[in-house]
C-alpha atoms as a PDB file:
ATOM      1  CA  MET A   1      25.301  93.047  98.252  1.00  0.00           C
ATOM      2  CA  ASN A   2      22.516  90.458  98.091  1.00  0.00           C
ATOM      3  CA  ALA A   3      20.451  90.483  94.889  1.00  0.00           C
ATOM      4  CA  PRO A   4      17.164  88.558  95.211  1.00  0.00           C
ATOM      5  CA  HIS A   5      15.332  86.789  92.408  1.00  0.00           C
ATOM      6  CA  GLU A   6      13.134  89.218  90.465  1.00  0.00           C
ATOM      7  CA  ASN A   7       9.941  87.429  91.568  1.00  0.00           C
ATOM      8  CA  SER A   8      10.959  87.326  95.218  1.00  0.00           C
ATOM      9  CA  ARG A   9       9.124  89.441  97.789  1.00  0.00           C
ATOM     10  CA  LEU A  10      12.487  90.214  99.377  1.00  0.00           C
ATOM     11  CA  SER A  11      13.990  93.672  98.992  1.00  0.00           C
ATOM     12  CA  LEU A  12      17.333  94.286  97.376  1.00  0.00           C
ATOM     13  CA  VAL A  13      19.844  94.640 100.224  1.00  0.00           C
ATOM     14  CA  PHE A  14      23.142  96.527 100.020  1.00  0.00           C
ATOM     15  CA  THR A  15      25.706  95.768 102.728  1.00  0.00           C
ATOM     16  CA  PRO A  16      28.487  98.397 102.561  1.00  0.00           C
ATOM     17  CA  GLU A  17      31.518  97.932 104.789  1.00  0.00           C
ATOM     18  CA  HIS A  18      32.686 101.553 104.878  1.00  0.00           C
ATOM     19  CA  LEU A  19      30.949 104.878 105.359  1.00  0.00           C
ATOM     20  CA  GLY A  20      32.107 106.196 101.993  1.00  0.00           C
ATOM     21  CA  GLU A  21      30.581 103.182 100.292  1.00  0.00           C
ATOM     22  CA  ALA A  22      27.309 103.640 102.172  1.00  0.00           C
ATOM     23  CA  LEU A  23      27.122 107.310 101.200  1.00  0.00           C
ATOM     24  CA  SER A  24      27.845 106.468  97.569  1.00  0.00           C
ATOM     25  CA  LEU A  25      25.136 103.788  97.516  1.00  0.00           C
ATOM     26  CA  TYR A  26      22.634 106.170  99.105  1.00  0.00           C
ATOM     27  CA  ALA A  27      23.404 108.863  96.520  1.00  0.00           C
ATOM     28  CA  ARG A  28      22.868 106.359  93.682  1.00  0.00           C
ATOM     29  CA  ASN A  29      19.701 104.919  95.253  1.00  0.00           C
ATOM     30  CA  PRO A  30      17.810 107.924  96.693  1.00  0.00           C
ATOM     31  CA  GLY A  31      14.696 105.889  97.374  1.00  0.00           C
ATOM     32  CA  ALA A  32      16.559 103.321  99.457  1.00  0.00           C
ATOM     33  CA  ILE A  33      15.826 102.709 103.132  1.00  0.00           C
ATOM     34  CA  LEU A  34      18.665 102.937 105.651  1.00  0.00           C
ATOM     35  CA  TYR A  35      18.675  99.951 108.002  1.00  0.00           C
ATOM     36  CA  ALA A  36      20.647  99.965 111.261  1.00  0.00           C
ATOM     37  CA  GLY A  37      18.804  98.411 114.209  1.00  0.00           C
ATOM     38  CA  GLY A  38      15.550  98.186 112.285  1.00  0.00           C
ATOM     39  CA  THR A  39      13.310  98.360 115.359  1.00  0.00           C
ATOM     40  CA  ALA A  40      11.107 101.166 113.991  1.00  0.00           C
ATOM     41  CA  LEU A  41      10.880  99.561 110.547  1.00  0.00           C
ATOM     42  CA  LEU A  42      10.065  96.105 111.837  1.00  0.00           C
ATOM     43  CA  SER A  43       7.496  97.395 114.331  1.00  0.00           C
ATOM     44  CA  LYS A  44       5.340  98.431 111.359  1.00  0.00           C
ATOM     45  CA  GLN A  45       5.477  94.983 109.747  1.00  0.00           C
ATOM     46  CA  SER A  46       2.660  92.499 110.234  1.00  0.00           C
ATOM     47  CA  GLU A  47       3.853  89.852 107.766  1.00  0.00           C
ATOM     48  CA  ARG A  48       6.095  86.992 108.835  1.00  0.00           C
ATOM     49  CA  LEU A  49       8.444  88.002 106.006  1.00  0.00           C
ATOM     50  CA  PRO A  50       8.974  91.804 106.088  1.00  0.00           C
ATOM     51  CA  ILE A  51       8.096  93.748 102.953  1.00  0.00           C
ATOM     52  CA  PHE A  52       9.782  97.132 102.566  1.00  0.00           C
ATOM     53  CA  GLY A  53       8.964  98.059  98.981  1.00  0.00           C
ATOM     54  CA  ALA A  54      12.371  99.661  98.404  1.00  0.00           C
ATOM     55  CA  PRO A  55      16.044  98.649  98.455  1.00  0.00           C
ATOM     56  CA  LEU A  56      17.699  98.492 101.878  1.00  0.00           C
ATOM     57  CA  ILE A  57      21.134  99.826 102.749  1.00  0.00           C
ATOM     58  CA  SER A  58      22.264  97.942 105.836  1.00  0.00           C
ATOM     59  CA  LEU A  59      24.674  99.876 108.056  1.00  0.00           C
ATOM     60  CA  LYS A  60      25.497  96.923 110.298  1.00  0.00           C
ATOM     61  CA  ARG A  61      28.999  96.402 108.844  1.00  0.00           C
ATOM     62  CA  VAL A  62      30.011 100.077 108.771  1.00  0.00           C
ATOM     63  CA  GLU A  63      32.495 100.201 111.644  1.00  0.00           C
ATOM     64  CA  GLU A  64      32.869 104.002 111.462  1.00  0.00           C
ATOM     65  CA  LEU A  65      29.287 104.237 112.721  1.00  0.00           C
ATOM     66  CA  LYS A  66      29.952 102.010 115.759  1.00  0.00           C
ATOM     67  CA  THR A  67      32.725 103.946 117.468  1.00  0.00           C
ATOM     68  CA  ILE A  68      32.566 105.348 121.013  1.00  0.00           C
ATOM     69  CA  ARG A  69      35.083 108.022 121.997  1.00  0.00           C
ATOM     70  CA  ARG A  70      35.431 110.131 125.093  1.00  0.00           C
ATOM     71  CA  TYR A  71      36.787 113.662 124.796  1.00  0.00           C
ATOM     72  CA  GLU A  72      37.369 116.280 127.470  1.00  0.00           C
ATOM     73  CA  ASN A  73      33.901 117.843 127.273  1.00  0.00           C
ATOM     74  CA  PHE A  74      31.751 115.277 125.487  1.00  0.00           C
ATOM     75  CA  ILE A  75      31.330 111.640 124.532  1.00  0.00           C
ATOM     76  CA  GLU A  76      30.936 110.860 120.849  1.00  0.00           C
ATOM     77  CA  PHE A  77      28.819 107.935 119.657  1.00  0.00           C
ATOM     78  CA  GLY A  78      28.675 106.586 116.150  1.00  0.00           C
ATOM     79  CA  ALA A  79      25.100 106.622 114.911  1.00  0.00           C
ATOM     80  CA  ALA A  80      24.898 102.802 114.741  1.00  0.00           C
ATOM     81  CA  VAL A  81      25.875 102.278 118.398  1.00  0.00           C
ATOM     82  CA  THR A  82      23.015 100.472 120.126  1.00  0.00           C
ATOM     83  CA  LEU A  83      21.341 101.817 123.237  1.00  0.00           C
ATOM     84  CA  GLY A  84      22.437  98.673 125.073  1.00  0.00           C
ATOM     85  CA  ASP A  85      26.072  99.302 124.151  1.00  0.00           C
ATOM     86  CA  ILE A  86      25.739 102.878 125.405  1.00  0.00           C
ATOM     87  CA  LEU A  87      24.713 101.631 128.840  1.00  0.00           C
ATOM     88  CA  ARG A  88      27.438  98.946 128.930  1.00  0.00           C
ATOM     89  CA  CYS A  89      30.417 100.907 127.623  1.00  0.00           C
ATOM     90  CA  LYS A  90      33.067 102.077 130.083  1.00  0.00           C
ATOM     91  CA  GLU A  91      32.441 105.688 129.031  1.00  0.00           C
ATOM     92  CA  SER A  92      28.863 105.491 130.304  1.00  0.00           C
ATOM     93  CA  ARG A  93      29.928 106.489 133.820  1.00  0.00           C
ATOM     94  CA  PHE A  94      30.657 109.973 132.467  1.00  0.00           C
ATOM     95  CA  LEU A  95      27.283 110.374 130.735  1.00  0.00           C
ATOM     96  CA  PRO A  96      24.645 112.705 132.203  1.00  0.00           C
ATOM     97  CA  PRO A  97      22.373 110.640 134.493  1.00  0.00           C
ATOM     98  CA  VAL A  98      19.227 111.999 132.820  1.00  0.00           C
ATOM     99  CA  PHE A  99      20.401 110.531 129.508  1.00  0.00           C
ATOM    100  CA  LYS A 100      21.113 107.094 130.961  1.00  0.00           C
ATOM    101  CA  THR A 101      17.769 107.110 132.784  1.00  0.00           C
ATOM    102  CA  ALA A 102      15.962 107.901 129.540  1.00  0.00           C
ATOM    103  CA  VAL A 103      17.844 105.195 127.627  1.00  0.00           C
ATOM    104  CA  ARG A 104      16.743 102.632 130.229  1.00  0.00           C
ATOM    105  CA  ALA A 105      13.129 103.732 129.668  1.00  0.00           C
ATOM    106  CA  VAL A 106      13.266 102.762 125.985  1.00  0.00           C
ATOM    107  CA  GLY A 107      11.572  99.416 125.457  1.00  0.00           C
ATOM    108  CA  THR A 108      12.967  96.158 126.784  1.00  0.00           C
ATOM    109  CA  PRO A 109      16.595  94.983 127.022  1.00  0.00           C
ATOM    110  CA  ALA A 110      16.087  93.168 123.708  1.00  0.00           C
ATOM    111  CA  VAL A 111      14.926  96.399 122.061  1.00  0.00           C
ATOM    112  CA  ARG A 112      17.808  98.393 123.541  1.00  0.00           C
ATOM    113  CA  ASN A 113      20.298  95.802 122.274  1.00  0.00           C
ATOM    114  CA  THR A 114      18.996  96.379 118.741  1.00  0.00           C
ATOM    115  CA  ALA A 115      17.884 100.008 118.537  1.00  0.00           C
ATOM    116  CA  THR A 116      20.581 102.536 117.616  1.00  0.00           C
ATOM    117  CA  ILE A 117      21.018 106.092 118.809  1.00  0.00           C
ATOM    118  CA  GLY A 118      21.098 107.428 115.248  1.00  0.00           C
ATOM    119  CA  GLY A 119      18.019 105.469 114.292  1.00  0.00           C
ATOM    120  CA  HIS A 120      16.245 106.907 117.318  1.00  0.00           C
ATOM    121  CA  LEU A 121      16.681 110.369 115.804  1.00  0.00           C
ATOM    122  CA  ALA A 122      16.053 109.386 112.193  1.00  0.00           C
ATOM    123  CA  VAL A 123      12.510 108.059 112.706  1.00  0.00           C
ATOM    124  CA  THR A 124      10.321 110.583 110.913  1.00  0.00           C
ATOM    125  CA  GLU A 125       6.775 109.532 111.776  1.00  0.00           C
ATOM    126  CA  ARG A 126       7.257 109.941 115.538  1.00  0.00           C
ATOM    127  CA  LYS A 127       9.500 111.875 117.902  1.00  0.00           C
ATOM    128  CA  LEU A 128      10.986 109.201 120.112  1.00  0.00           C
ATOM    129  CA  LEU A 129      12.017 109.399 123.742  1.00  0.00           C
ATOM    130  CA  LEU A 130      15.636 110.497 123.425  1.00  0.00           C
ATOM    131  CA  LEU A 131      15.046 113.476 121.145  1.00  0.00           C
ATOM    132  CA  PRO A 132      14.003 115.942 123.907  1.00  0.00           C
ATOM    133  CA  ILE A 133      16.751 114.594 126.181  1.00  0.00           C
ATOM    134  CA  LEU A 134      19.416 115.277 123.556  1.00  0.00           C
ATOM    135  CA  LEU A 135      17.852 118.673 122.945  1.00  0.00           C
ATOM    136  CA  ILE A 136      18.032 119.851 126.559  1.00  0.00           C
ATOM    137  CA  LEU A 137      21.574 118.485 126.924  1.00  0.00           C
ATOM    138  CA  ASP A 138      22.700 120.690 124.006  1.00  0.00           C
ATOM    139  CA  ALA A 139      23.903 117.551 122.219  1.00  0.00           C
ATOM    140  CA  ALA A 140      25.463 117.916 118.781  1.00  0.00           C
ATOM    141  CA  VAL A 141      25.129 115.780 115.680  1.00  0.00           C
ATOM    142  CA  GLU A 142      27.067 115.225 112.487  1.00  0.00           C
ATOM    143  CA  VAL A 143      25.360 114.275 109.233  1.00  0.00           C
ATOM    144  CA  LYS A 144      27.005 113.441 105.921  1.00  0.00           C
ATOM    145  CA  SER A 145      26.074 112.990 102.309  1.00  0.00           C
ATOM    146  CA  GLN A 146      28.475 111.949  99.566  1.00  0.00           C
ATOM    147  CA  THR A 147      29.434 115.598  99.008  1.00  0.00           C
ATOM    148  CA  THR A 148      28.669 117.474 102.228  1.00  0.00           C
ATOM    149  CA  THR A 149      29.159 117.354 105.986  1.00  0.00           C
ATOM    150  CA  ARG A 150      27.030 119.298 108.460  1.00  0.00           C
ATOM    151  CA  SER A 151      27.483 119.419 112.216  1.00  0.00           C
ATOM    152  CA  GLY A 152      26.244 121.449 115.139  1.00  0.00           C
ATOM    153  CA  GLU A 153      23.852 121.444 118.075  1.00  0.00           C
ATOM    154  CA  ILE A 154      20.804 119.292 117.523  1.00  0.00           C
ATOM    155  CA  LYS A 155      18.485 122.303 117.655  1.00  0.00           C
ATOM    156  CA  ARG A 156      19.895 123.404 114.285  1.00  0.00           C
ATOM    157  CA  PHE A 157      18.494 120.246 112.688  1.00  0.00           C
ATOM    158  CA  LEU A 158      14.936 120.584 114.017  1.00  0.00           C
ATOM    159  CA  ASP A 159      11.843 121.973 112.295  1.00  0.00           C
ATOM    160  CA  GLU A 160       9.217 124.224 113.881  1.00  0.00           C
ATOM    161  CA  LYS A 161       7.697 121.210 115.660  1.00  0.00           C
ATOM    162  CA  ASN A 162      11.116 120.019 116.866  1.00  0.00           C
ATOM    163  CA  GLY A 163      11.217 117.122 114.423  1.00  0.00           C
ATOM    164  CA  PHE A 164      14.639 116.043 113.162  1.00  0.00           C
ATOM    165  CA  ILE A 165      15.208 116.954 109.503  1.00  0.00           C
ATOM    166  CA  LEU A 166      17.713 115.412 107.098  1.00  0.00           C
ATOM    167  CA  GLN A 167      18.448 116.675 103.596  1.00  0.00           C
ATOM    168  CA  ALA A 168      18.428 114.369 100.575  1.00  0.00           C
ATOM    169  CA  ASN A 169      20.893 111.465 100.808  1.00  0.00           C
ATOM    170  CA  GLU A 170      22.185 112.458 104.258  1.00  0.00           C
ATOM    171  CA  ILE A 171      23.091 109.908 106.917  1.00  0.00           C
ATOM    172  CA  ILE A 172      23.433 110.658 110.625  1.00  0.00           C
ATOM    173  CA  THR A 173      27.020 109.697 111.467  1.00  0.00           C
ATOM    174  CA  LYS A 174      27.803 110.928 115.012  1.00  0.00           C
ATOM    175  CA  ILE A 175      26.061 112.161 118.159  1.00  0.00           C
ATOM    176  CA  ARG A 176      28.070 114.111 120.730  1.00  0.00           C
ATOM    177  CA  ILE A 177      26.734 114.312 124.277  1.00  0.00           C
ATOM    178  CA  PRO A 178      28.268 117.000 126.533  1.00  0.00           C
ATOM    179  CA  THR A 179      29.479 115.961 129.968  1.00  0.00           C
ATOM    180  CA  GLY A 180      29.763 117.989 133.154  1.00  0.00           C
ATOM    181  CA  ARG A 181      27.553 120.908 132.110  1.00  0.00           C
ATOM    182  CA  PHE A 182      24.689 120.279 134.547  1.00  0.00           C
ATOM    183  CA  ASN A 183      24.512 119.225 138.186  1.00  0.00           C
ATOM    184  CA  LEU A 184      20.738 118.806 138.506  1.00  0.00           C
ATOM    185  CA  TRP A 185      18.227 116.873 136.430  1.00  0.00           C
ATOM    186  CA  GLY A 186      14.735 115.419 136.413  1.00  0.00           C
ATOM    187  CA  PHE A 187      12.894 112.942 134.212  1.00  0.00           C
ATOM    188  CA  SER A 188       9.400 111.492 134.067  1.00  0.00           C
ATOM    189  CA  ALA A 189       7.679 109.292 131.488  1.00  0.00           C
ATOM    190  CA  LEU A 190       4.141 107.903 131.554  1.00  0.00           C
ATOM    191  CA  PRO A 191       3.670 105.059 130.835  1.00  0.00           C
ATOM    192  CA  GLY A 192       7.017 103.765 132.051  1.00  0.00           C
ATOM    193  CA  SER A 193       8.201 102.487 128.674  1.00  0.00           C
ATOM    194  CA  VAL A 194       7.139 104.557 125.702  1.00  0.00           C
ATOM    195  CA  ILE A 195       8.715 102.918 122.669  1.00  0.00           C
ATOM    196  CA  ARG A 196       5.333 101.922 121.179  1.00  0.00           C
ATOM    197  CA  SER A 197       2.675 103.658 123.210  1.00  0.00           C
ATOM    198  CA  GLN A 198       0.508 106.087 121.258  1.00  0.00           C
ATOM    199  CA  ASP A 199      -0.504 107.875 124.462  1.00  0.00           C
ATOM    200  CA  PHE A 200       2.400 108.981 126.568  1.00  0.00           C
ATOM    201  CA  PHE A 201       3.778 112.081 128.195  1.00  0.00           C
ATOM    202  CA  MET A 202       7.334 112.782 129.239  1.00  0.00           C
ATOM    203  CA  SER A 203       9.008 115.745 130.869  1.00  0.00           C
ATOM    204  CA  CYS A 204      12.678 116.367 131.522  1.00  0.00           C
ATOM    205  CA  PHE A 205      14.975 119.109 132.672  1.00  0.00           C
ATOM    206  CA  VAL A 206      18.621 119.764 133.361  1.00  0.00           C
ATOM    207  CA  ALA A 207      20.033 122.667 135.336  1.00  0.00           C
ATOM    208  CA  ARG A 208      23.322 124.086 136.544  1.00  0.00           C
ATOM    209  CA  LYS A 209      23.056 125.568 140.006  1.00  0.00           C
ATOM    210  CA  ASN A 210      25.714 127.501 141.878  1.00  0.00           C
ATOM    211  CA  ARG A 211      24.714 127.602 145.526  1.00  0.00           C
ATOM    212  CA  PHE A 212      21.164 129.028 145.373  1.00  0.00           C
ATOM    213  CA  LEU A 213      21.289 130.565 141.879  1.00  0.00           C
ATOM    214  CA  ILE A 214      20.304 128.899 138.612  1.00  0.00           C
ATOM    215  CA  GLU A 215      23.001 129.567 136.019  1.00  0.00           C
ATOM    216  CA  LYS A 216      21.303 127.567 133.263  1.00  0.00           C
ATOM    217  CA  ILE A 217      18.151 125.470 132.930  1.00  0.00           C
ATOM    218  CA  ASN A 218      16.707 123.574 129.956  1.00  0.00           C
ATOM    219  CA  PHE A 219      13.454 121.640 129.919  1.00  0.00           C
ATOM    220  CA  ALA A 220      11.307 119.885 127.314  1.00  0.00           C
ATOM    221  CA  PHE A 221       8.148 117.807 126.997  1.00  0.00           C
ATOM    222  CA  ASN A 222       7.183 115.045 124.568  1.00  0.00           C
ATOM    223  CA  ILE A 223       3.466 114.653 123.845  1.00  0.00           C
ATOM    224  CA  ASP A 224       2.563 111.252 122.361  1.00  0.00           C
ATOM    225  CA  GLY A 225       5.610 111.337 120.090  1.00  0.00           C
ATOM    226  CA  ARG A 226       3.705 113.944 118.091  1.00  0.00           C
ATOM    227  CA  LEU A 227       5.045 117.138 119.582  1.00  0.00           C
ATOM    228  CA  VAL A 228       8.234 118.069 121.423  1.00  0.00           C
ATOM    229  CA  ILE A 229       7.785 121.315 123.327  1.00  0.00           C
ATOM    230  CA  ARG A 230      10.482 123.621 124.589  1.00  0.00           C
ATOM    231  CA  ILE A 231       9.704 127.157 125.772  1.00  0.00           C
ATOM    232  CA  LYS A 232      13.067 128.893 125.553  1.00  0.00           C
ATOM    233  CA  GLN A 233      11.722 132.190 126.896  1.00  0.00           C
ATOM    234  CA  SER A 234      10.705 130.528 130.163  1.00  0.00           C
ATOM    235  CA  GLU A 235      14.157 128.982 130.492  1.00  0.00           C
ATOM    236  CA  ASP A 236      15.794 132.376 130.015  1.00  0.00           C
ATOM    237  CA  ARG A 237      13.537 133.974 132.640  1.00  0.00           C
ATOM    238  CA  LEU A 238      14.722 131.498 135.278  1.00  0.00           C
ATOM    239  CA  ILE A 239      18.447 132.136 134.773  1.00  0.00           C
ATOM    240  CA  GLY A 240      19.847 134.046 137.738  1.00  0.00           C
ATOM    241  CA  LYS A 241      16.832 133.294 139.943  1.00  0.00           C
ATOM    242  CA  LYS A 242      17.340 132.157 143.501  1.00  0.00           C
ATOM    243  CA  PHE A 243      15.796 128.788 144.333  1.00  0.00           C
ATOM    244  CA  PRO A 244      13.507 127.896 145.898  1.00  0.00           C
ATOM    245  CA  LEU A 245      11.301 130.464 144.211  1.00  0.00           C
ATOM    246  CA  SER A 246       8.831 132.461 146.261  1.00  0.00           C
ATOM    247  CA  ALA A 247       5.118 131.785 145.850  1.00  0.00           C
ATOM    248  CA  ALA A 248       4.752 135.073 143.961  1.00  0.00           C
ATOM    249  CA  GLU A 249       7.593 134.187 141.588  1.00  0.00           C
ATOM    250  CA  ILE A 250       6.059 130.767 140.893  1.00  0.00           C
ATOM    251  CA  ARG A 251       2.711 132.376 140.068  1.00  0.00           C
ATOM    252  CA  GLU A 252       4.376 134.855 137.719  1.00  0.00           C
ATOM    253  CA  GLU A 253       6.393 132.180 135.894  1.00  0.00           C
ATOM    254  CA  MET A 254       3.315 129.970 135.619  1.00  0.00           C
ATOM    255  CA  ARG A 255       1.322 132.840 134.067  1.00  0.00           C
ATOM    256  CA  PHE A 256       4.053 133.487 131.507  1.00  0.00           C
ATOM    257  CA  PHE A 257       4.507 129.790 130.654  1.00  0.00           C
ATOM    258  CA  THR A 258       0.758 129.205 130.342  1.00  0.00           C
ATOM    259  CA  SER A 259       0.435 132.151 127.959  1.00  0.00           C
ATOM    260  CA  LYS A 260       3.153 130.653 125.767  1.00  0.00           C
ATOM    261  CA  ILE A 261       1.498 127.239 125.777  1.00  0.00           C
ATOM    262  CA  GLU A 262      -1.825 128.821 124.817  1.00  0.00           C
ATOM    263  CA  GLY A 263      -0.164 130.726 121.984  1.00  0.00           C
ATOM    264  CA  GLU A 264       2.226 128.161 120.553  1.00  0.00           C
ATOM    265  CA  LEU A 265       0.691 124.706 120.780  1.00  0.00           C
ATOM    266  CA  ILE A 266      -1.272 123.370 117.835  1.00  0.00           C
ATOM    267  CA  ALA A 267      -4.752 122.407 119.014  1.00  0.00           C
ATOM    268  CA  PRO A 268      -3.739 120.546 122.189  1.00  0.00           C
ATOM    269  CA  SER A 269      -6.480 118.764 124.043  1.00  0.00           C
ATOM    270  CA  PRO A 270      -7.354 120.333 127.412  1.00  0.00           C
ATOM    271  CA  TYR A 271      -6.015 117.185 129.081  1.00  0.00           C
ATOM    272  CA  LYS A 272      -2.621 117.394 127.341  1.00  0.00           C
ATOM    273  CA  LYS A 273      -2.410 121.116 127.984  1.00  0.00           C
ATOM    274  CA  GLU A 274      -3.064 120.555 131.673  1.00  0.00           C
ATOM    275  CA  ARG A 275      -0.324 117.890 131.777  1.00  0.00           C
ATOM    276  CA  ILE A 276       2.217 120.278 130.299  1.00  0.00           C
ATOM    277  CA  ILE A 277       1.333 123.073 132.701  1.00  0.00           C
ATOM    278  CA  ASN A 278       1.390 120.761 135.719  1.00  0.00           C
ATOM    279  CA  ALA A 279       4.752 119.325 134.646  1.00  0.00           C
ATOM    280  CA  PHE A 280       6.223 122.819 134.481  1.00  0.00           C
ATOM    281  CA  ARG A 281       4.848 123.572 137.961  1.00  0.00           C
ATOM    282  CA  LEU A 282       6.604 120.439 139.245  1.00  0.00           C
ATOM    283  CA  ILE A 283       9.894 121.645 137.766  1.00  0.00           C
ATOM    284  CA  LEU A 284       9.508 125.027 139.457  1.00  0.00           C
ATOM    285  CA  THR A 285       8.688 123.452 142.813  1.00  0.00           C
ATOM    286  CA  GLN A 286      11.187 120.598 142.502  1.00  0.00           C
ATOM    287  CA  ASP A 287      13.669 120.339 145.335  1.00  0.00           C
ATOM    288  CA  LEU A 288      16.650 121.642 143.393  1.00  0.00           C
ATOM    289  CA  THR A 289      19.104 120.151 145.833  1.00  0.00           C
ATOM    290  CA  LYS A 290      18.257 116.696 144.473  1.00  0.00           C
ATOM    291  CA  SER A 291      18.145 114.961 141.100  1.00  0.00           C
ATOM    292  CA  GLY A 292      16.092 112.116 139.779  1.00  0.00           C
ATOM    293  CA  LEU A 293      12.578 111.260 138.749  1.00  0.00           C
ATOM    294  CA  ILE A 294      10.025 114.049 138.679  1.00  0.00           C
ATOM    295  CA  GLU A 295       7.072 112.956 140.787  1.00  0.00           C
END
């Protein structure tokens, strides 16, 4: 632990070496700021010397949060694993391609070598790029406090606007990404890198297709980091459908989806609404014998 002079502008910094120690410090200092990669925190600083206004708990030495393990049906990442390490690790060849494509779209190599997967979820003021990807992949998370452990699919940790919610003194500890569930995917993000842009739109989908039939399909949209949209009813309607859809089927699914967008979105601009509807049309008309970028 580094204790600055009382007149210093520096924050008090705790540097635990074990997860139990970090959880204990967080419980004793509920106003403290967790610091892993720090990219989101530092992006809000304009001073040469950062000012945080609260004690920091650095997670950089907590080795339990830096592990990467491959299991039969998923790959488990400690929350402090950087996005760069995810792309470089030997287990990356088993990751869903849509996830790796999205990781590469986050910032620059320097940003990816600093930003952590747990930190990407924990940012509260914006919904960053990987959140909808993890959502459609049915990824699971584990969070811990000094006295409790919670785990489950990421959708269980989201609020009504699909923002990630932590309880008091909880730390994200693990993210588990399923492997082998889907054989088709699509991803699009405008502009190309959306780590800082205040005006971006992304769409993504994953599907499992057996010959011509869709056995499962998940899709989501991220609007400016403000809103993550997933229309589960439209996903369910497509299960068991034969692709390519007929023109009549596309019109019917578009009518249903548009009605849901009209009813569920909170004051979207006509331009954003049109983007969402057009992105869904592209998913329906995508050549579902191929995977890659949605154009």
